[in-house]
């Protein structure tokens, strides 16, 4: 399982998401950036910044 915390990209944002694949995390975060943060253009660099901040979640 992988996790992304939006606050690592947008300081103060509490949104996070978990998914099995990096692609699903990126898809969800792009949707979040559009709806919550008003981003209309997602540049390739933004996708790279998202990927750099995805972490593996260790099951409890």
PDB file of N, CA and C in Angstrom:
ATOM      1  N   UNK A   1       0.844  -1.174   0.000  1.00  0.00           N
ATOM      2  CA  UNK A   1       0.000   0.000   0.000  1.00  0.00           C
ATOM      3  C   UNK A   1       0.888   1.235   0.000  1.00  0.00           C
ATOM      4  N   UNK A   2       0.458   2.240  -0.761  1.00  0.00           N
ATOM      5  CA  UNK A   2       1.214   3.489  -0.879  1.00  0.00           C
ATOM      6  C   UNK A   2       0.361   4.634  -0.340  1.00  0.00           C
ATOM      7  N   UNK A   3       1.029   5.696   0.105  1.00  0.00           N
ATOM      8  CA  UNK A   3       0.320   6.842   0.682  1.00  0.00           C
ATOM      9  C   UNK A   3       0.964   8.138   0.195  1.00  0.00           C
ATOM     10  N   UNK A   4       0.080   9.120  -0.002  1.00  0.00           N
ATOM     11  CA  UNK A   4       0.542  10.464  -0.340  1.00  0.00           C
ATOM     12  C   UNK A   4      -0.185  11.443   0.560  1.00  0.00           C
ATOM     13  N   UNK A   5       0.577  12.352   1.177  1.00  0.00           N
ATOM     14  CA  UNK A   5       0.023  13.418   2.007  1.00  0.00           C
ATOM     15  C   UNK A   5       0.170  14.734   1.256  1.00  0.00           C
ATOM     16  N   UNK A   6      -0.946  15.357   0.928  1.00  0.00           N
ATOM     17  CA  UNK A   6      -0.912  16.598   0.157  1.00  0.00           C
ATOM     18  C   UNK A   6      -0.135  17.689   0.886  1.00  0.00           C
ATOM     19  N   UNK A   7      -0.139  17.671   2.198  1.00  0.00           N
ATOM     20  CA  UNK A   7       0.579  18.671   2.972  1.00  0.00           C
ATOM     21  C   UNK A   7       2.074  18.707   2.690  1.00  0.00           C
ATOM     22  N   UNK A   8       2.622  17.634   2.116  1.00  0.00           N
ATOM     23  CA  UNK A   8       4.038  17.638   1.751  1.00  0.00           C
ATOM     24  C   UNK A   8       4.275  18.448   0.478  1.00  0.00           C
ATOM     25  N   UNK A   9       3.195  18.720  -0.247  1.00  0.00           N
ATOM     26  CA  UNK A   9       3.268  19.482  -1.495  1.00  0.00           C
ATOM     27  C   UNK A   9       2.636  20.868  -1.324  1.00  0.00           C
ATOM     28  N   UNK A  10       1.505  20.892  -0.630  1.00  0.00           N
ATOM     29  CA  UNK A  10       0.775  22.135  -0.358  1.00  0.00           C
ATOM     30  C   UNK A  10       0.737  22.296   1.163  1.00  0.00           C
ATOM     31  N   UNK A  11       1.639  23.084   1.715  1.00  0.00           N
ATOM     32  CA  UNK A  11       1.719  23.221   3.173  1.00  0.00           C
ATOM     33  C   UNK A  11       0.369  23.545   3.815  1.00  0.00           C
ATOM     34  N   UNK A  12       0.056  22.798   4.870  1.00  0.00           N
ATOM     35  CA  UNK A  12      -1.181  23.013   5.608  1.00  0.00           C
ATOM     36  C   UNK A  12      -2.365  22.200   5.134  1.00  0.00           C
ATOM     37  N   UNK A  13      -2.264  21.546   3.987  1.00  0.00           N
ATOM     38  CA  UNK A  13      -3.385  20.749   3.485  1.00  0.00           C
ATOM     39  C   UNK A  13      -3.421  19.409   4.207  1.00  0.00           C
ATOM     40  N   UNK A  14      -4.556  19.057   4.817  1.00  0.00           N
ATOM     41  CA  UNK A  14      -4.645  17.805   5.559  1.00  0.00           C
ATOM     42  C   UNK A  14      -4.990  16.579   4.703  1.00  0.00           C
ATOM     43  N   UNK A  15      -5.272  16.768   3.416  1.00  0.00           N
ATOM     44  CA  UNK A  15      -5.693  15.654   2.553  1.00  0.00           C
ATOM     45  C   UNK A  15      -4.589  14.614   2.403  1.00  0.00           C
ATOM     46  N   UNK A  16      -5.003  13.357   2.440  1.00  0.00           N
ATOM     47  CA  UNK A  16      -4.083  12.259   2.127  1.00  0.00           C
ATOM     48  C   UNK A  16      -4.875  11.162   1.432  1.00  0.00           C
ATOM     49  N   UNK A  17      -4.169  10.315   0.718  1.00  0.00           N
ATOM     50  CA  UNK A  17      -4.811   9.188   0.052  1.00  0.00           C
ATOM     51  C   UNK A  17      -3.891   7.989   0.069  1.00  0.00           C
ATOM     52  N   UNK A  18      -4.488   6.808   0.077  1.00  0.00           N
ATOM     53  CA  UNK A  18      -3.735   5.551   0.022  1.00  0.00           C
ATOM     54  C   UNK A  18      -4.294   4.701  -1.105  1.00  0.00           C
ATOM     55  N   UNK A  19      -3.407   4.005  -1.790  1.00  0.00           N
ATOM     56  CA  UNK A  19      -3.816   3.116  -2.875  1.00  0.00           C
ATOM     57  C   UNK A  19      -2.718   2.093  -3.111  1.00  0.00           C
ATOM     58  N   UNK A  20      -3.053   1.065  -3.867  1.00  0.00           N
ATOM     59  CA  UNK A  20      -2.085   0.012  -4.181  1.00  0.00           C
ATOM     60  C   UNK A  20      -1.038   0.481  -5.189  1.00  0.00           C
ATOM     61  N   UNK A  21      -1.439   1.356  -6.105  1.00  0.00           N
ATOM     62  CA  UNK A  21      -0.513   1.732  -7.177  1.00  0.00           C
ATOM     63  C   UNK A  21      -0.162   3.211  -7.142  1.00  0.00           C
ATOM     64  N   UNK A  22       1.028   3.512  -7.605  1.00  0.00           N
ATOM     65  CA  UNK A  22       1.476   4.899  -7.731  1.00  0.00           C
ATOM     66  C   UNK A  22       0.571   5.651  -8.699  1.00  0.00           C
ATOM     67  N   UNK A  23       0.167   4.994  -9.768  1.00  0.00           N
ATOM     68  CA  UNK A  23      -0.685   5.645 -10.767  1.00  0.00           C
ATOM     69  C   UNK A  23      -2.013   6.099 -10.163  1.00  0.00           C
ATOM     70  N   UNK A  24      -2.597   5.279  -9.296  1.00  0.00           N
ATOM     71  CA  UNK A  24      -3.864   5.644  -8.662  1.00  0.00           C
ATOM     72  C   UNK A  24      -3.674   6.814  -7.694  1.00  0.00           C
ATOM     73  N   UNK A  25      -2.573   6.813  -6.963  1.00  0.00           N
ATOM     74  CA  UNK A  25      -2.262   7.930  -6.058  1.00  0.00           C
ATOM     75  C   UNK A  25      -2.151   9.225  -6.878  1.00  0.00           C
ATOM     76  N   UNK A  26      -1.411   9.184  -7.967  1.00  0.00           N
ATOM     77  CA  UNK A  26      -1.227  10.370  -8.803  1.00  0.00           C
ATOM     78  C   UNK A  26      -2.577  10.839  -9.346  1.00  0.00           C
ATOM     79  N   UNK A  27      -3.397   9.916  -9.817  1.00  0.00           N
ATOM     80  CA  UNK A  27      -4.718  10.274 -10.350  1.00  0.00           C
ATOM     81  C   UNK A  27      -5.555  10.982  -9.287  1.00  0.00           C
ATOM     82  N   UNK A  28      -5.584  10.411  -8.088  1.00  0.00           N
ATOM     83  CA  UNK A  28      -6.381  11.001  -7.010  1.00  0.00           C
ATOM     84  C   UNK A  28      -5.852  12.377  -6.605  1.00  0.00           C
ATOM     85  N   UNK A  29      -4.536  12.514  -6.510  1.00  0.00           N
ATOM     86  CA  UNK A  29      -3.960  13.795  -6.102  1.00  0.00           C
ATOM     87  C   UNK A  29      -4.198  14.863  -7.153  1.00  0.00           C
ATOM     88  N   UNK A  30      -4.111  14.514  -8.431  1.00  0.00           N
ATOM     89  CA  UNK A  30      -4.398  15.488  -9.487  1.00  0.00           C
ATOM     90  C   UNK A  30      -5.843  15.956  -9.383  1.00  0.00           C
ATOM     91  N   UNK A  31      -6.757  15.043  -9.146  1.00  0.00           N
ATOM     92  CA  UNK A  31      -8.164  15.416  -8.973  1.00  0.00           C
ATOM     93  C   UNK A  31      -8.318  16.338  -7.762  1.00  0.00           C
ATOM     94  N   UNK A  32      -7.633  16.015  -6.680  1.00  0.00           N
ATOM     95  CA  UNK A  32      -7.677  16.847  -5.471  1.00  0.00           C
ATOM     96  C   UNK A  32      -7.110  18.242  -5.747  1.00  0.00           C
ATOM     97  N   UNK A  33      -5.983  18.314  -6.451  1.00  0.00           N
ATOM     98  CA  UNK A  33      -5.396  19.618  -6.770  1.00  0.00           C
ATOM     99  C   UNK A  33      -6.359  20.473  -7.580  1.00  0.00           C
ATOM    100  N   UNK A  34      -7.092  19.839  -8.476  1.00  0.00           N
ATOM    101  CA  UNK A  34      -8.056  20.571  -9.298  1.00  0.00           C
ATOM    102  C   UNK A  34      -9.249  21.055  -8.474  1.00  0.00           C
ATOM    103  N   UNK A  35      -9.806  20.171  -7.657  1.00  0.00           N
ATOM    104  CA  UNK A  35     -11.037  20.510  -6.938  1.00  0.00           C
ATOM    105  C   UNK A  35     -10.791  21.339  -5.680  1.00  0.00           C
ATOM    106  N   UNK A  36      -9.754  21.016  -4.915  1.00  0.00           N
ATOM    107  CA  UNK A  36      -9.533  21.701  -3.639  1.00  0.00           C
ATOM    108  C   UNK A  36      -8.617  22.917  -3.745  1.00  0.00           C
ATOM    109  N   UNK A  37      -7.684  22.884  -4.683  1.00  0.00           N
ATOM    110  CA  UNK A  37      -6.696  23.945  -4.766  1.00  0.00           C
ATOM    111  C   UNK A  37      -6.807  24.788  -6.033  1.00  0.00           C
ATOM    112  N   UNK A  38      -7.796  24.479  -6.883  1.00  0.00           N
ATOM    113  CA  UNK A  38      -8.056  25.305  -8.054  1.00  0.00           C
ATOM    114  C   UNK A  38      -7.032  25.206  -9.174  1.00  0.00           C
ATOM    115  N   UNK A  39      -6.218  24.169  -9.152  1.00  0.00           N
ATOM    116  CA  UNK A  39      -5.227  23.996 -10.228  1.00  0.00           C
ATOM    117  C   UNK A  39      -5.953  23.617 -11.514  1.00  0.00           C
ATOM    118  N   UNK A  40      -5.656  24.320 -12.591  1.00  0.00           N
ATOM    119  CA  UNK A  40      -6.288  23.993 -13.870  1.00  0.00           C
ATOM    120  C   UNK A  40      -5.315  23.311 -14.817  1.00  0.00           C
ATOM    121  N   UNK A  41      -4.034  23.565 -14.628  1.00  0.00           N
ATOM    122  CA  UNK A  41      -3.002  22.944 -15.458  1.00  0.00           C
ATOM    123  C   UNK A  41      -2.068  22.177 -14.542  1.00  0.00           C
ATOM    124  N   UNK A  42      -1.937  20.880 -14.801  1.00  0.00           N
ATOM    125  CA  UNK A  42      -1.028  20.039 -14.014  1.00  0.00           C
ATOM    126  C   UNK A  42       0.199  19.777 -14.880  1.00  0.00           C
ATOM    127  N   UNK A  43       1.282  20.434 -14.537  1.00  0.00           N
ATOM    128  CA  UNK A  43       2.521  20.304 -15.313  1.00  0.00           C
ATOM    129  C   UNK A  43       3.224  18.987 -14.996  1.00  0.00           C
ATOM    130  N   UNK A  44       4.026  18.486 -15.934  1.00  0.00           N
ATOM    131  CA  UNK A  44       4.779  17.246 -15.688  1.00  0.00           C
ATOM    132  C   UNK A  44       5.633  17.331 -14.422  1.00  0.00           C
ATOM    133  N   UNK A  45       6.165  18.518 -14.125  1.00  0.00           N
ATOM    134  CA  UNK A  45       6.986  18.668 -12.913  1.00  0.00           C
ATOM    135  C   UNK A  45       6.152  18.415 -11.666  1.00  0.00           C
ATOM    136  N   UNK A  46       4.872  18.815 -11.699  1.00  0.00           N
ATOM    137  CA  UNK A  46       3.994  18.592 -10.548  1.00  0.00           C
ATOM    138  C   UNK A  46       3.789  17.101 -10.332  1.00  0.00           C
ATOM    139  N   UNK A  47       3.605  16.357 -11.420  1.00  0.00           N
ATOM    140  CA  UNK A  47       3.443  14.905 -11.312  1.00  0.00           C
ATOM    141  C   UNK A  47       4.705  14.292 -10.699  1.00  0.00           C
ATOM    142  N   UNK A  48       5.868  14.777 -11.105  1.00  0.00           N
ATOM    143  CA  UNK A  48       7.122  14.270 -10.537  1.00  0.00           C
ATOM    144  C   UNK A  48       7.220  14.593  -9.052  1.00  0.00           C
ATOM    145  N   UNK A  49       6.794  15.777  -8.655  1.00  0.00           N
ATOM    146  CA  UNK A  49       6.811  16.148  -7.231  1.00  0.00           C
ATOM    147  C   UNK A  49       5.887  15.239  -6.427  1.00  0.00           C
ATOM    148  N   UNK A  50       4.747  14.889  -7.002  1.00  0.00           N
ATOM    149  CA  UNK A  50       3.826  13.962  -6.325  1.00  0.00           C
ATOM    150  C   UNK A  50       4.504  12.607  -6.156  1.00  0.00           C
ATOM    151  N   UNK A  51       5.069  12.083  -7.238  1.00  0.00           N
ATOM    152  CA  UNK A  51       5.716  10.760  -7.195  1.00  0.00           C
ATOM    153  C   UNK A  51       6.848  10.717  -6.175  1.00  0.00           C
ATOM    154  N   UNK A  52       7.609  11.810  -6.065  1.00  0.00           N
ATOM    155  CA  UNK A  52       8.721  11.861  -5.117  1.00  0.00           C
ATOM    156  C   UNK A  52       8.256  11.783  -3.671  1.00  0.00           C
ATOM    157  N   UNK A  53       7.018  12.142  -3.419  1.00  0.00           N
ATOM    158  CA  UNK A  53       6.493  12.212  -2.051  1.00  0.00           C
ATOM    159  C   UNK A  53       5.614  11.018  -1.664  1.00  0.00           C
ATOM    160  N   UNK A  54       5.462  10.073  -2.556  1.00  0.00           N
ATOM    161  CA  UNK A  54       4.683   8.847  -2.250  1.00  0.00           C
ATOM    162  C   UNK A  54       5.541   7.947  -1.377  1.00  0.00           C
ATOM    163  N   UNK A  55       4.949   7.442  -0.305  1.00  0.00           N
ATOM    164  CA  UNK A  55       5.666   6.560   0.608  1.00  0.00           C
ATOM    165  C   UNK A  55       4.949   5.214   0.722  1.00  0.00           C
ATOM    166  N   UNK A  56       5.715   4.196   1.059  1.00  0.00           N
ATOM    167  CA  UNK A  56       5.148   2.876   1.326  1.00  0.00           C
ATOM    168  C   UNK A  56       4.543   2.880   2.720  1.00  0.00           C
ATOM    169  N   UNK A  57       3.389   2.265   2.860  1.00  0.00           N
ATOM    170  CA  UNK A  57       2.739   2.152   4.158  1.00  0.00           C
ATOM    171  C   UNK A  57       2.952   0.732   4.669  1.00  0.00           C
ATOM    172  N   UNK A  58       3.452   0.633   5.888  1.00  0.00           N
ATOM    173  CA  UNK A  58       3.682  -0.681   6.495  1.00  0.00           C
ATOM    174  C   UNK A  58       2.387  -1.098   7.202  1.00  0.00           C
ATOM    175  N   UNK A  59       1.854  -2.279   6.875  1.00  0.00           N
ATOM    176  CA  UNK A  59       0.632  -2.739   7.546  1.00  0.00           C
ATOM    177  C   UNK A  59       0.835  -2.867   9.059  1.00  0.00           C
ATOM    178  N   UNK A  60      -0.190  -2.583   9.818  1.00  0.00           N
ATOM    179  CA  UNK A  60      -0.109  -2.640  11.274  1.00  0.00           C
ATOM    180  C   UNK A  60      -0.145  -4.065  11.741  1.00  0.00           C
TER     181      UNK A  60
END
